[in-house]
Amino acid sequence: MCEKFGDKLEVLCFPCNQFGFQEWLGGQEIIDCMTHVRPGKGFQPKFTMLEKTAVNGKDGHAVFKALMAALPFRNTSVSWEAENAFGTQGSEYFKKINYSPFSIADVIWNFEHFLIKPDGTPFKRYHSLESYDDIPKDIESILA
């Protein structure tokens, strides 16, 4: 998407360790890991990588508090069963996160996306298990 939309789109990446303790690296280590390990093969991100950030709970970053207040529910076609298969709901979910208090509007797993209009208005929230196919169409609609 960074290549497709060029300077019309700014993608911000907020690494977070609140989900299954999966992001234990920080700063340049994250970029180095992406370049050499996953996905590897010299990958260089075209997005802006920010510092590791808490997104949920009492220490949640103000950006995410505002986004979740504006878009408290995901526009999702992902079924409850699919979410449970990934351990992102139900009692097992609470064993994999390290924040409190909990809210129904919380980001529930890595790679959840928020699309924000050029004027700064939150537009749409995308569940982390959904296909990304609609995101380019939605970007085009807000840029038109």
Foldseek 3Di string as FASTA:
>chain_A
DCVVCPPLDADEDAAECFFQNPPVDWDVVVQVCVCPPVVHPRDGDPHHYDTHAACDAPRHDPVNVVLCVQVQDAPDPDDPVNCVVVQQDDPSQVVGGDHDDDDSSGQRHPPWDWDAAPVGHTDHTHRNPDDCVCVVVVSVVRVD
